Amino acid sequence: MGSIGTSADNALAESFNAALKREVLKDSKTFENQLRCRRDVFRWCTRYNTIRRHSWCKYLAPAVFEERCPAILISAS
């Protein structure tokens, strides 16, 4: 995250929204109706967060990455 007012401030959200629009809407400008919108976005978000491979986790699905590389949290106190 960048500092407030910089172009990098919103880059992560813009990238996420661009991927969502590109993969869900494809060539359409709008959804048919609100129910279809909610269903398609929910399905895409579920896929994005569990199944879709990401470069940040060595091109593994996030669910697989978490199984293979459990986070070890160190107590701050």
PDB file of N, CA and C in Angstrom:
ATOM      1  N   MET A   1       0.845  -1.180   0.000  1.00  0.00           N
ATOM      2  CA  MET A   1       0.000   0.000   0.000  1.00  0.00           C
ATOM      3  C   MET A   1       0.887   1.240   0.000  1.00  0.00           C
ATOM      4  N   GLY A   2       0.520   2.174  -0.821  1.00  0.00           N
ATOM      5  CA  GLY A   2       1.246   3.433  -0.873  1.00  0.00           C
ATOM      6  C   GLY A   2       0.682   4.403   0.148  1.00  0.00           C
ATOM      7  N   SER A   3       1.264   5.545   0.210  1.00  0.00           N
ATOM      8  CA  SER A   3       0.733   6.552   1.128  1.00  0.00           C
ATOM      9  C   SER A   3      -0.527   7.165   0.513  1.00  0.00           C
ATOM     10  N   ILE A   4      -1.287   7.830   1.324  1.00  0.00           N
ATOM     11  CA  ILE A   4      -2.565   8.395   0.898  1.00  0.00           C
ATOM     12  C   ILE A   4      -2.348   9.393  -0.238  1.00  0.00           C
ATOM     13  N   GLY A   5      -3.125   9.214  -1.302  1.00  0.00           N
ATOM     14  CA  GLY A   5      -3.066  10.139  -2.414  1.00  0.00           C
ATOM     15  C   GLY A   5      -2.105   9.753  -3.523  1.00  0.00           C
ATOM     16  N   THR A   6      -1.320   8.696  -3.326  1.00  0.00           N
ATOM     17  CA  THR A   6      -0.397   8.279  -4.379  1.00  0.00           C
ATOM     18  C   THR A   6      -1.097   7.315  -5.327  1.00  0.00           C
ATOM     19  N   SER A   7      -0.525   7.135  -6.498  1.00  0.00           N
ATOM     20  CA  SER A   7      -1.147   6.252  -7.482  1.00  0.00           C
ATOM     21  C   SER A   7      -1.124   4.795  -7.031  1.00  0.00           C
ATOM     22  N   ALA A   8      -0.180   4.425  -6.180  1.00  0.00           N
ATOM     23  CA  ALA A   8      -0.090   3.047  -5.699  1.00  0.00           C
ATOM     24  C   ALA A   8      -1.055   2.779  -4.551  1.00  0.00           C
ATOM     25  N   ASP A   9      -1.710   3.805  -4.049  1.00  0.00           N
ATOM     26  CA  ASP A   9      -2.600   3.677  -2.905  1.00  0.00           C
ATOM     27  C   ASP A   9      -3.706   2.678  -3.156  1.00  0.00           C
ATOM     28  N   ASN A  10      -4.244   2.642  -4.363  1.00  0.00           N
ATOM     29  CA  ASN A  10      -5.396   1.809  -4.662  1.00  0.00           C
ATOM     30  C   ASN A  10      -5.071   0.715  -5.678  1.00  0.00           C
ATOM     31  N   ALA A  11      -3.814   0.439  -5.917  1.00  0.00           N
ATOM     32  CA  ALA A  11      -3.408  -0.481  -6.984  1.00  0.00           C
ATOM     33  C   ALA A  11      -3.933  -1.896  -6.768  1.00  0.00           C
ATOM     34  N   LEU A  12      -3.901  -2.395  -5.552  1.00  0.00           N
ATOM     35  CA  LEU A  12      -4.356  -3.750  -5.289  1.00  0.00           C
ATOM     36  C   LEU A  12      -5.847  -3.892  -5.579  1.00  0.00           C
ATOM     37  N   ALA A  13      -6.646  -2.955  -5.098  1.00  0.00           N
ATOM     38  CA  ALA A  13      -8.085  -3.002  -5.347  1.00  0.00           C
ATOM     39  C   ALA A  13      -8.389  -2.858  -6.831  1.00  0.00           C
ATOM     40  N   GLU A  14      -7.679  -1.984  -7.512  1.00  0.00           N
ATOM     41  CA  GLU A  14      -7.895  -1.790  -8.950  1.00  0.00           C
ATOM     42  C   GLU A  14      -7.555  -3.056  -9.725  1.00  0.00           C
ATOM     43  N   SER A  15      -6.484  -3.727  -9.364  1.00  0.00           N
ATOM     44  CA  SER A  15      -6.090  -4.966 -10.019  1.00  0.00           C
ATOM     45  C   SER A  15      -7.137  -6.054  -9.802  1.00  0.00           C
ATOM     46  N   PHE A  16      -7.620  -6.174  -8.566  1.00  0.00           N
ATOM     47  CA  PHE A  16      -8.649  -7.160  -8.243  1.00  0.00           C
ATOM     48  C   PHE A  16      -9.921  -6.886  -9.039  1.00  0.00           C
ATOM     49  N   ASN A  17     -10.364  -5.630  -9.053  1.00  0.00           N
ATOM     50  CA  ASN A  17     -11.581  -5.274  -9.782  1.00  0.00           C
ATOM     51  C   ASN A  17     -11.437  -5.491 -11.283  1.00  0.00           C
ATOM     52  N   ALA A  18     -10.269  -5.212 -11.824  1.00  0.00           N
ATOM     53  CA  ALA A  18     -10.038  -5.425 -13.252  1.00  0.00           C
ATOM     54  C   ALA A  18     -10.119  -6.909 -13.596  1.00  0.00           C
ATOM     55  N   ALA A  19      -9.534  -7.752 -12.759  1.00  0.00           N
ATOM     56  CA  ALA A  19      -9.594  -9.200 -12.992  1.00  0.00           C
ATOM     57  C   ALA A  19     -11.031  -9.690 -12.888  1.00  0.00           C
ATOM     58  N   LEU A  20     -11.759  -9.195 -11.899  1.00  0.00           N
ATOM     59  CA  LEU A  20     -13.164  -9.577 -11.739  1.00  0.00           C
ATOM     60  C   LEU A  20     -13.972  -9.212 -12.979  1.00  0.00           C
ATOM     61  N   LYS A  21     -13.857  -7.985 -13.431  1.00  0.00           N
ATOM     62  CA  LYS A  21     -14.606  -7.545 -14.618  1.00  0.00           C
ATOM     63  C   LYS A  21     -14.211  -8.338 -15.851  1.00  0.00           C
ATOM     64  N   ARG A  22     -12.924  -8.544 -16.026  1.00  0.00           N
ATOM     65  CA  ARG A  22     -12.429  -9.244 -17.223  1.00  0.00           C
ATOM     66  C   ARG A  22     -12.924 -10.688 -17.254  1.00  0.00           C
ATOM     67  N   GLU A  23     -12.895 -11.385 -16.112  1.00  0.00           N
ATOM     68  CA  GLU A  23     -13.220 -12.797 -16.090  1.00  0.00           C
ATOM     69  C   GLU A  23     -14.701 -13.092 -15.908  1.00  0.00           C
ATOM     70  N   VAL A  24     -15.443 -12.202 -15.283  1.00  0.00           N
ATOM     71  CA  VAL A  24     -16.871 -12.455 -15.054  1.00  0.00           C
ATOM     72  C   VAL A  24     -17.728 -11.826 -16.144  1.00  0.00           C
ATOM     73  N   LEU A  25     -17.506 -10.558 -16.430  1.00  0.00           N
ATOM     74  CA  LEU A  25     -18.332  -9.883 -17.432  1.00  0.00           C
ATOM     75  C   LEU A  25     -17.934 -10.233 -18.865  1.00  0.00           C
ATOM     76  N   LYS A  26     -16.674 -10.551 -19.048  1.00  0.00           N
ATOM     77  CA  LYS A  26     -16.120 -10.831 -20.370  1.00  0.00           C
ATOM     78  C   LYS A  26     -16.400  -9.669 -21.305  1.00  0.00           C
ATOM     79  N   ASP A  27     -17.227  -9.814 -22.318  1.00  0.00           N
ATOM     80  CA  ASP A  27     -17.478  -8.729 -23.272  1.00  0.00           C
ATOM     81  C   ASP A  27     -18.740  -7.926 -22.962  1.00  0.00           C
ATOM     82  N   SER A  28     -19.451  -8.283 -21.909  1.00  0.00           N
ATOM     83  CA  SER A  28     -20.686  -7.578 -21.550  1.00  0.00           C
ATOM     84  C   SER A  28     -20.377  -6.295 -20.790  1.00  0.00           C
ATOM     85  N   LYS A  29     -21.295  -5.369 -20.814  1.00  0.00           N
ATOM     86  CA  LYS A  29     -21.162  -4.124 -20.049  1.00  0.00           C
ATOM     87  C   LYS A  29     -21.849  -4.225 -18.692  1.00  0.00           C
ATOM     88  N   THR A  30     -22.946  -5.001 -18.622  1.00  0.00           N
ATOM     89  CA  THR A  30     -23.718  -5.122 -17.389  1.00  0.00           C
ATOM     90  C   THR A  30     -24.184  -6.566 -17.210  1.00  0.00           C
ATOM     91  N   PHE A  31     -24.703  -6.856 -16.031  1.00  0.00           N
ATOM     92  CA  PHE A  31     -25.288  -8.158 -15.751  1.00  0.00           C
ATOM     93  C   PHE A  31     -26.756  -8.149 -16.155  1.00  0.00           C
ATOM     94  N   GLU A  32     -27.318  -9.336 -16.346  1.00  0.00           N
ATOM     95  CA  GLU A  32     -28.730  -9.448 -16.719  1.00  0.00           C
ATOM     96  C   GLU A  32     -29.637  -8.911 -15.611  1.00  0.00           C
ATOM     97  N   ASN A  33     -29.328  -9.296 -14.376  1.00  0.00           N
ATOM     98  CA  ASN A  33     -30.119  -8.841 -13.230  1.00  0.00           C
ATOM     99  C   ASN A  33     -29.265  -8.943 -11.962  1.00  0.00           C
ATOM    100  N   GLN A  34     -29.806  -8.480 -10.859  1.00  0.00           N
ATOM    101  CA  GLN A  34     -29.051  -8.434  -9.612  1.00  0.00           C
ATOM    102  C   GLN A  34     -28.717  -9.834  -9.098  1.00  0.00           C
ATOM    103  N   LEU A  35     -29.642 -10.776  -9.208  1.00  0.00           N
ATOM    104  CA  LEU A  35     -29.397 -12.134  -8.743  1.00  0.00           C
ATOM    105  C   LEU A  35     -28.244 -12.776  -9.516  1.00  0.00           C
ATOM    106  N   ARG A  36     -28.251 -12.606 -10.827  1.00  0.00           N
ATOM    107  CA  ARG A  36     -27.176 -13.148 -11.666  1.00  0.00           C
ATOM    108  C   ARG A  36     -25.825 -12.518 -11.292  1.00  0.00           C
ATOM    109  N   CYS A  37     -25.827 -11.234 -11.026  1.00  0.00           N
ATOM    110  CA  CYS A  37     -24.604 -10.521 -10.618  1.00  0.00           C
ATOM    111  C   CYS A  37     -24.062 -11.100  -9.325  1.00  0.00           C
ATOM    112  N   ARG A  38     -24.913 -11.213  -8.319  1.00  0.00           N
ATOM    113  CA  ARG A  38     -24.480 -11.718  -7.016  1.00  0.00           C
ATOM    114  C   ARG A  38     -23.953 -13.145  -7.122  1.00  0.00           C
ATOM    115  N   ARG A  39     -24.645 -13.985  -7.882  1.00  0.00           N
ATOM    116  CA  ARG A  39     -24.246 -15.382  -8.045  1.00  0.00           C
ATOM    117  C   ARG A  39     -22.894 -15.494  -8.758  1.00  0.00           C
ATOM    118  N   ASP A  40     -22.735 -14.760  -9.856  1.00  0.00           N
ATOM    119  CA  ASP A  40     -21.499 -14.835 -10.630  1.00  0.00           C
ATOM    120  C   ASP A  40     -20.304 -14.285  -9.855  1.00  0.00           C
ATOM    121  N   VAL A  41     -20.499 -13.166  -9.157  1.00  0.00           N
ATOM    122  CA  VAL A  41     -19.397 -12.569  -8.382  1.00  0.00           C
ATOM    123  C   VAL A  41     -19.029 -13.471  -7.207  1.00  0.00           C
ATOM    124  N   PHE A  42     -20.014 -14.038  -6.533  1.00  0.00           N
ATOM    125  CA  PHE A  42     -19.734 -14.957  -5.425  1.00  0.00           C
ATOM    126  C   PHE A  42     -18.965 -16.176  -5.921  1.00  0.00           C
ATOM    127  N   ARG A  43     -19.399 -16.752  -7.033  1.00  0.00           N
ATOM    128  CA  ARG A  43     -18.723 -17.918  -7.607  1.00  0.00           C
ATOM    129  C   ARG A  43     -17.277 -17.578  -7.981  1.00  0.00           C
ATOM    130  N   TRP A  44     -17.085 -16.405  -8.594  1.00  0.00           N
ATOM    131  CA  TRP A  44     -15.737 -16.000  -8.996  1.00  0.00           C
ATOM    132  C   TRP A  44     -14.847 -15.763  -7.780  1.00  0.00           C
ATOM    133  N   CYS A  45     -15.359 -15.083  -6.756  1.00  0.00           N
ATOM    134  CA  CYS A  45     -14.568 -14.814  -5.552  1.00  0.00           C
ATOM    135  C   CYS A  45     -14.179 -16.108  -4.846  1.00  0.00           C
ATOM    136  N   THR A  46     -15.098 -17.064  -4.789  1.00  0.00           N
ATOM    137  CA  THR A  46     -14.789 -18.354  -4.180  1.00  0.00           C
ATOM    138  C   THR A  46     -13.684 -19.049  -4.958  1.00  0.00           C
ATOM    139  N   ARG A  47     -13.791 -19.050  -6.275  1.00  0.00           N
ATOM    140  CA  ARG A  47     -12.757 -19.662  -7.118  1.00  0.00           C
ATOM    141  C   ARG A  47     -11.425 -18.923  -6.970  1.00  0.00           C
ATOM    142  N   TYR A  48     -11.474 -17.601  -6.978  1.00  0.00           N
ATOM    143  CA  TYR A  48     -10.262 -16.771  -6.882  1.00  0.00           C
ATOM    144  C   TYR A  48      -9.515 -17.040  -5.582  1.00  0.00           C
ATOM    145  N   ASN A  49     -10.250 -17.208  -4.487  1.00  0.00           N
ATOM    146  CA  ASN A  49      -9.626 -17.357  -3.168  1.00  0.00           C
ATOM    147  C   ASN A  49      -9.271 -18.786  -2.790  1.00  0.00           C
ATOM    148  N   THR A  50      -9.738 -19.787  -3.552  1.00  0.00           N
ATOM    149  CA  THR A  50      -9.463 -21.165  -3.172  1.00  0.00           C
ATOM    150  C   THR A  50      -8.810 -21.998  -4.274  1.00  0.00           C
ATOM    151  N   ILE A  51      -9.222 -21.811  -5.516  1.00  0.00           N
ATOM    152  CA  ILE A  51      -8.803 -22.703  -6.594  1.00  0.00           C
ATOM    153  C   ILE A  51      -7.820 -22.072  -7.568  1.00  0.00           C
ATOM    154  N   ARG A  52      -8.051 -20.825  -7.948  1.00  0.00           N
ATOM    155  CA  ARG A  52      -7.238 -20.160  -8.972  1.00  0.00           C
ATOM    156  C   ARG A  52      -5.785 -20.043  -8.528  1.00  0.00           C
ATOM    157  N   ARG A  53      -4.852 -20.376  -9.413  1.00  0.00           N
ATOM    158  CA  ARG A  53      -3.432 -20.306  -9.083  1.00  0.00           C
ATOM    159  C   ARG A  53      -2.952 -18.858  -9.096  1.00  0.00           C
ATOM    160  N   HIS A  54      -2.072 -18.543  -8.153  1.00  0.00           N
ATOM    161  CA  HIS A  54      -1.540 -17.192  -8.026  1.00  0.00           C
ATOM    162  C   HIS A  54      -0.016 -17.227  -8.072  1.00  0.00           C
ATOM    163  N   SER A  55       0.586 -16.206  -8.652  1.00  0.00           N
ATOM    164  CA  SER A  55       2.050 -16.156  -8.743  1.00  0.00           C
ATOM    165  C   SER A  55       2.687 -15.986  -7.367  1.00  0.00           C
ATOM    166  N   TRP A  56       2.027 -15.300  -6.444  1.00  0.00           N
ATOM    167  CA  TRP A  56       2.618 -15.045  -5.128  1.00  0.00           C
ATOM    168  C   TRP A  56       2.802 -16.326  -4.322  1.00  0.00           C
ATOM    169  N   CYS A  57       2.067 -17.394  -4.657  1.00  0.00           N
ATOM    170  CA  CYS A  57       2.215 -18.656  -3.912  1.00  0.00           C
ATOM    171  C   CYS A  57       2.741 -19.768  -4.828  1.00  0.00           C
ATOM    172  N   LYS A  58       3.689 -19.386  -5.685  1.00  0.00           N
ATOM    173  CA  LYS A  58       4.393 -20.324  -6.566  1.00  0.00           C
ATOM    174  C   LYS A  58       3.435 -21.059  -7.498  1.00  0.00           C
ATOM    175  N   TYR A  59       2.432 -20.351  -7.984  1.00  0.00           N
ATOM    176  CA  TYR A  59       1.434 -20.877  -8.925  1.00  0.00           C
ATOM    177  C   TYR A  59       0.699 -22.102  -8.395  1.00  0.00           C
ATOM    178  N   LEU A  60       0.457 -22.099  -7.097  1.00  0.00           N
ATOM    179  CA  LEU A  60      -0.408 -23.094  -6.476  1.00  0.00           C
ATOM    180  C   LEU A  60      -1.726 -22.420  -6.138  1.00  0.00           C
ATOM    181  N   ALA A  61      -2.762 -23.214  -5.992  1.00  0.00           N
ATOM    182  CA  ALA A  61      -4.028 -22.673  -5.507  1.00  0.00           C
ATOM    183  C   ALA A  61      -3.831 -22.261  -4.051  1.00  0.00           C
ATOM    184  N   PRO A  62      -4.443 -21.171  -3.604  1.00  0.00           N
ATOM    185  CA  PRO A  62      -4.254 -20.732  -2.216  1.00  0.00           C
ATOM    186  C   PRO A  62      -4.565 -21.814  -1.184  1.00  0.00           C
ATOM    187  N   ALA A  63      -5.607 -22.618  -1.413  1.00  0.00           N
ATOM    188  CA  ALA A  63      -5.943 -23.678  -0.461  1.00  0.00           C
ATOM    189  C   ALA A  63      -4.818 -24.708  -0.373  1.00  0.00           C
ATOM    190  N   VAL A  64      -4.232 -25.066  -1.505  1.00  0.00           N
ATOM    191  CA  VAL A  64      -3.121 -26.023  -1.531  1.00  0.00           C
ATOM    192  C   VAL A  64      -1.888 -25.413  -0.868  1.00  0.00           C
ATOM    193  N   PHE A  65      -1.614 -24.152  -1.164  1.00  0.00           N
ATOM    194  CA  PHE A  65      -0.460 -23.461  -0.576  1.00  0.00           C
ATOM    195  C   PHE A  65      -0.561 -23.448   0.945  1.00  0.00           C
ATOM    196  N   GLU A  66      -1.737 -23.173   1.475  1.00  0.00           N
ATOM    197  CA  GLU A  66      -1.921 -23.129   2.929  1.00  0.00           C
ATOM    198  C   GLU A  66      -1.757 -24.509   3.555  1.00  0.00           C
ATOM    199  N   GLU A  67      -2.173 -25.554   2.840  1.00  0.00           N
ATOM    200  CA  GLU A  67      -1.988 -26.910   3.358  1.00  0.00           C
ATOM    201  C   GLU A  67      -0.506 -27.271   3.412  1.00  0.00           C
ATOM    202  N   ARG A  68       0.229 -26.912   2.363  1.00  0.00           N
ATOM    203  CA  ARG A  68       1.641 -27.275   2.272  1.00  0.00           C
ATOM    204  C   ARG A  68       2.557 -26.389   3.111  1.00  0.00           C
ATOM    205  N   CYS A  69       2.182 -25.150   3.288  1.00  0.00           N
ATOM    206  CA  CYS A  69       3.037 -24.188   3.992  1.00  0.00           C
ATOM    207  C   CYS A  69       2.265 -23.531   5.129  1.00  0.00           C
ATOM    208  N   PRO A  70       2.051 -24.239   6.212  1.00  0.00           N
ATOM    209  CA  PRO A  70       1.290 -23.631   7.308  1.00  0.00           C
ATOM    210  C   PRO A  70       2.037 -22.447   7.911  1.00  0.00           C
ATOM    211  N   ALA A  71       1.291 -21.433   8.232  1.00  0.00           N
ATOM    212  CA  ALA A  71       1.886 -20.234   8.834  1.00  0.00           C
ATOM    213  C   ALA A  71       2.221 -20.518  10.294  1.00  0.00           C
ATOM    214  N   ILE A  72       3.387 -20.065  10.713  1.00  0.00           N
ATOM    215  CA  ILE A  72       3.787 -20.198  12.113  1.00  0.00           C
ATOM    216  C   ILE A  72       3.822 -18.794  12.694  1.00  0.00           C
ATOM    217  N   LEU A  73       2.908 -18.544  13.595  1.00  0.00           N
ATOM    218  CA  LEU A  73       2.819 -17.233  14.215  1.00  0.00           C
ATOM    219  C   LEU A  73       3.622 -17.219  15.511  1.00  0.00           C
ATOM    220  N   ILE A  74       4.435 -16.214  15.654  1.00  0.00           N
ATOM    221  CA  ILE A  74       5.245 -16.056  16.854  1.00  0.00           C
ATOM    222  C   ILE A  74       4.553 -15.066  17.769  1.00  0.00           C
ATOM    223  N   SER A  75       4.440 -15.429  19.004  1.00  0.00           N
ATOM    224  CA  SER A  75       3.786 -14.569  19.976  1.00  0.00           C
ATOM    225  C   SER A  75       4.573 -13.286  20.160  1.00  0.00           C
ATOM    226  N   ALA A  76       3.862 -12.160  20.187  1.00  0.00           N
ATOM    227  CA  ALA A  76       4.515 -10.862  20.342  1.00  0.00           C
ATOM    228  C   ALA A  76       4.875 -10.571  21.789  1.00  0.00           C
ATOM    229  N   SER A  77       4.241 -11.279  22.718  1.00  0.00           N
ATOM    230  CA  SER A  77       4.521 -10.988  24.134  1.00  0.00           C
ATOM    231  C   SER A  77       5.579 -11.869  24.738  1.00  0.00           C
TER     232      SER A  77
END
